[in-house]
Amino acid sequence: MTQNLVKVKIWDVPTRLFHWGMLCLLGGLWWTAESAEMEWHQLLAYSLLILIGMRLLWGFIGSDTAKFSHFVHSPKTVLNYVRKTKQHGISASIGHNPIGGYMVVALISLVTLQLVTGLFATDEIFIEGPLYTTVNGDTALWLTWLHKKNFDLILILAAIHVLAVGVHMFKGDKIIAAMFSGYKRLPGELAQPLAFVSTLKAVMIVMVIGALVVNYLMLPIIEML
């Protein structure tokens, strides 16, 4: 019997722009670090800082599927989801599934750690983070080491994420298309009303955070270019 599928709006514009924006910026950060383009590395990092700041706030005041309360579940719920998936296979979900929710939290946490440690890091030649002088030399070197090693963890999680997305796509769950369009075709029984917050609120958040980051962190670097 053919399932009755309905088109449902899942993702708002800020969440989608954050997802693809973070992907592009992480790629740029990797390239600038490998190419020793550290001024551009810092500018991209501060751009990511603006995005992360917005996403953290959006996780509390944003649209339903963007809120942490919507996709961060108890370990018991996650284990039940794993058992159900083993028995019945992968099924479509509204927003992040319980395992995906943990992945989102892990990635955001590691990227936040990456940004914080970068504020204290140094290449021991020319470039230093803006908070480098607030700690002693040994602490700065340790934070620099952590900054480099933490990025390896981000790459590992990103690879797992891509693999999981590939499995979902293979099973017919078109999650990449949904992250572009915001819409997903779901069985009628899964469809439920969702509340979406105006994109203007996210724009205002970005403007406030962006003004602070640009003024205190980015302008000094831009002046050096």
Protein backbone atom coordinates (compact mmCIF):
# COMPACT_ATOMS: atom_id res chain seq x y z
CA MET A 1 0.00 0.00 0.00
CA THR A 2 1.33 3.43 -0.97
CA GLN A 3 1.97 5.79 1.94
CA ASN A 4 0.12 9.09 1.98
CA LEU A 5 2.96 11.62 2.01
CA VAL A 6 2.44 15.29 2.80
CA LYS A 7 4.81 18.22 2.31
CA VAL A 8 5.77 19.66 5.71
CA LYS A 9 7.94 22.64 6.57
CA ILE A 10 10.71 21.40 8.85
CA TRP A 11 13.57 23.91 8.89
CA ASP A 12 13.52 27.70 9.07
CA VAL A 13 15.90 29.94 7.11
CA PRO A 14 18.28 30.75 10.03
CA THR A 15 18.83 27.07 10.84
CA ARG A 16 19.53 26.22 7.20
CA LEU A 17 21.90 29.15 6.73
CA PHE A 18 23.72 28.21 9.93
CA HIS A 19 24.16 24.62 8.74
CA TRP A 20 25.59 25.47 5.32
CA GLY A 21 27.44 28.53 6.62
CA MET A 22 29.25 26.48 9.27
CA LEU A 23 30.14 23.86 6.68
CA CYS A 24 31.69 26.46 4.35
CA LEU A 25 33.51 28.27 7.16
CA LEU A 26 35.00 25.06 8.58
CA GLY A 27 36.29 24.23 5.12
CA GLY A 28 37.79 27.70 4.83
CA LEU A 29 39.32 27.47 8.29
CA TRP A 30 40.98 24.17 7.42
CA TRP A 31 42.36 25.58 4.15
CA THR A 32 43.66 28.82 5.69
CA ALA A 33 45.38 26.90 8.50
CA GLU A 34 47.03 24.51 6.05
CA SER A 35 48.10 27.44 3.86
CA ALA A 36 49.35 29.51 6.80
CA GLU A 37 46.96 32.34 5.88
CA MET A 38 46.45 33.13 9.53
CA GLU A 39 44.90 36.58 9.19
CA TRP A 40 42.17 35.12 6.99
CA HIS A 41 41.97 32.15 9.36
CA GLN A 42 41.13 34.52 12.20
CA LEU A 43 38.57 36.44 10.15
CA LEU A 44 36.79 33.23 9.19
CA ALA A 45 36.92 32.06 12.82
CA TYR A 46 35.28 35.27 14.02
CA SER A 47 32.64 34.91 11.33
CA LEU A 48 31.95 31.43 12.67
CA LEU A 49 31.80 32.88 16.18
CA ILE A 50 28.92 35.11 15.05
CA LEU A 51 27.10 32.09 13.60
CA ILE A 52 27.65 29.96 16.70
CA GLY A 53 26.46 32.77 18.96
CA MET A 54 23.29 33.11 16.90
CA ARG A 55 22.69 29.34 16.87
CA LEU A 56 23.08 29.03 20.63
CA LEU A 57 20.48 31.72 21.21
CA TRP A 58 18.28 30.31 18.44
CA GLY A 59 18.33 27.00 20.30
CA PHE A 60 16.27 28.65 23.04
CA ILE A 61 14.18 31.32 21.30
CA GLY A 62 14.03 30.05 17.71
CA SER A 63 11.57 27.92 15.77
CA ASP A 64 10.38 24.60 17.19
CA THR A 65 12.75 22.32 15.27
CA ALA A 66 15.71 24.61 16.05
CA LYS A 67 15.19 24.49 19.81
CA PHE A 68 17.42 22.22 21.85
CA SER A 69 14.34 21.08 23.77
CA HIS A 70 12.95 19.65 20.51
CA PHE A 71 15.87 17.35 19.67
CA VAL A 72 17.91 16.79 22.85
CA HIS A 73 16.35 13.75 24.49
CA SER A 74 17.15 11.56 27.47
CA PRO A 75 19.53 8.61 27.02
CA LYS A 76 16.53 6.29 27.51
CA THR A 77 14.76 7.88 24.53
CA VAL A 78 17.89 7.53 22.42
CA LEU A 79 18.27 3.85 23.33
CA ASN A 80 14.61 3.22 22.51
CA TYR A 81 15.13 4.92 19.14
CA VAL A 82 18.17 2.69 18.45
CA ARG A 83 16.15 -0.45 19.28
CA LYS A 84 13.27 0.69 17.08
CA THR A 85 15.67 1.44 14.21
CA LYS A 86 17.25 -2.01 14.50
CA GLN A 87 13.82 -3.65 14.36
CA HIS A 88 12.08 -1.54 11.72
CA GLY A 89 14.89 0.29 9.91
CA ILE A 90 15.45 4.01 9.42
CA SER A 91 12.31 6.11 9.32
CA ALA A 92 11.68 9.76 8.56
CA SER A 93 11.53 12.18 11.47
CA ILE A 94 10.50 15.76 12.07
CA GLY A 95 13.74 17.65 12.63
CA HIS A 96 16.71 15.86 14.13
CA ASN A 97 16.18 12.32 15.31
CA PRO A 98 17.36 11.45 18.87
CA ILE A 99 20.82 10.33 17.73
CA GLY A 100 21.16 13.26 15.35
CA GLY A 101 20.30 15.61 18.20
CA TYR A 102 23.27 14.37 20.19
CA MET A 103 25.47 14.81 17.14
CA VAL A 104 24.34 18.42 16.77
CA VAL A 105 25.15 19.15 20.41
CA ALA A 106 28.55 17.45 20.11
CA LEU A 107 29.49 19.39 16.97
CA ILE A 108 28.36 22.74 18.35
CA SER A 109 30.23 22.04 21.61
CA LEU A 110 33.47 21.10 19.82
CA VAL A 111 33.27 24.08 17.45
CA THR A 112 32.66 26.37 20.44
CA LEU A 113 35.70 24.86 22.17
CA GLN A 114 37.68 25.39 18.98
CA LEU A 115 36.74 29.06 18.87
CA VAL A 116 37.49 29.63 22.56
CA THR A 117 40.90 27.96 22.45
CA GLY A 118 41.72 29.92 19.31
CA LEU A 119 41.36 33.16 21.26
CA PHE A 120 44.42 32.13 23.31
CA ALA A 121 46.40 30.33 20.59
CA THR A 122 49.66 31.35 18.96
CA ASP A 123 51.67 30.22 15.96
CA GLU A 124 54.82 31.24 17.91
CA ILE A 125 55.88 33.41 14.99
CA PHE A 126 53.56 36.26 14.15
CA ILE A 127 49.89 35.61 14.94
CA GLU A 128 48.39 35.46 18.42
CA GLY A 129 44.81 35.21 19.59
CA PRO A 130 43.35 38.37 21.17
CA LEU A 131 43.42 36.80 24.67
CA TYR A 132 46.92 35.33 24.34
CA THR A 133 48.44 37.83 26.76
CA THR A 134 45.89 37.07 29.48
CA VAL A 135 47.47 33.68 30.23
CA ASN A 136 51.05 32.53 30.81
CA GLY A 137 53.15 31.02 28.06
CA ASP A 138 52.69 27.39 29.09
CA THR A 139 48.92 27.75 29.25
CA ALA A 140 48.87 29.43 25.84
CA LEU A 141 50.91 26.60 24.32
CA TRP A 142 48.61 23.99 25.89
CA LEU A 143 45.53 25.78 24.53
CA THR A 144 47.22 25.98 21.12
CA TRP A 145 47.85 22.21 21.25
CA LEU A 146 44.21 21.64 22.26
CA HIS A 147 43.07 23.93 19.44
CA LYS A 148 44.90 21.77 16.88
CA LYS A 149 43.86 18.39 18.33
CA ASN A 150 40.26 19.44 18.81
CA PHE A 151 39.97 20.14 15.09
CA ASP A 152 40.84 16.50 14.45
CA LEU A 153 37.85 15.54 16.62
CA ILE A 154 35.65 17.90 14.62
CA LEU A 155 36.78 16.20 11.40
CA ILE A 156 36.02 12.76 12.85
CA LEU A 157 32.53 13.80 13.94
CA ALA A 158 31.94 15.49 10.59
CA ALA A 159 32.91 12.26 8.80
CA ILE A 160 30.50 10.26 10.98
CA HIS A 161 27.81 12.84 10.26
CA VAL A 162 28.36 12.59 6.50
CA LEU A 163 28.26 8.79 6.71
CA ALA A 164 25.00 8.89 8.66
CA VAL A 165 23.48 11.31 6.15
CA GLY A 166 24.53 8.98 3.34
CA VAL A 167 22.82 6.03 5.03
CA HIS A 168 19.62 8.04 5.51
CA MET A 169 19.68 9.15 1.88
CA PHE A 170 20.22 5.55 0.73
CA LYS A 171 17.19 4.51 2.77
CA GLY A 172 15.05 7.20 1.14
CA ASP A 173 15.11 9.85 3.89
CA LYS A 174 15.91 12.97 1.86
CA ILE A 175 17.43 15.04 4.62
CA ILE A 176 19.87 17.00 2.43
CA ALA A 177 17.09 18.30 0.19
CA ALA A 178 15.15 19.31 3.31
CA MET A 179 18.12 21.29 4.61
CA PHE A 180 18.14 23.23 1.33
CA SER A 181 14.42 23.78 0.84
CA GLY A 182 13.21 23.63 4.42
CA TYR A 183 10.52 21.12 3.44
CA LYS A 184 10.23 17.37 3.75
CA ARG A 185 7.68 14.83 2.55
CA LEU A 186 6.46 12.81 5.53
CA PRO A 187 3.78 10.21 6.21
CA GLY A 188 0.54 11.98 7.09
CA GLU A 189 0.50 10.54 10.61
CA LEU A 190 3.87 12.18 11.37
CA ALA A 191 2.81 15.65 10.25
CA GLN A 192 2.25 18.02 13.14
CA PRO A 193 1.89 21.79 13.51
CA LEU A 194 5.20 23.55 14.14
CA ALA A 195 5.79 27.11 15.25
CA PHE A 196 8.30 29.14 13.23
CA VAL A 197 9.89 32.34 14.46
CA SER A 198 10.43 35.29 12.13
CA THR A 199 13.78 35.34 10.34
CA LEU A 200 13.97 39.03 11.27
CA LYS A 201 14.64 38.06 14.88
CA ALA A 202 17.65 35.99 13.79
CA VAL A 203 18.88 38.89 11.65
CA MET A 204 18.71 41.18 14.69
CA ILE A 205 20.67 38.67 16.78
CA VAL A 206 23.34 38.40 14.08
CA MET A 207 23.57 42.19 13.82
CA VAL A 208 24.09 42.63 17.57
CA ILE A 209 26.64 39.83 17.91
CA GLY A 210 28.24 40.79 14.61
CA ALA A 211 28.67 44.43 15.66
CA LEU A 212 30.56 43.36 18.78
CA VAL A 213 32.72 40.78 17.01
CA VAL A 214 33.55 43.05 14.07
CA ASN A 215 34.39 46.03 16.28
CA TYR A 216 36.52 44.25 18.88
CA LEU A 217 37.98 41.29 16.98
CA MET A 218 37.80 41.70 13.22
CA LEU A 219 38.63 45.37 12.59
CA PRO A 220 42.14 45.16 14.13
CA ILE A 221 42.95 42.31 11.73
CA ILE A 222 41.35 43.99 8.70
CA GLU A 223 43.50 47.04 9.35
CA MET A 224 46.59 44.82 9.11
CA LEU A 225 45.70 43.35 5.70
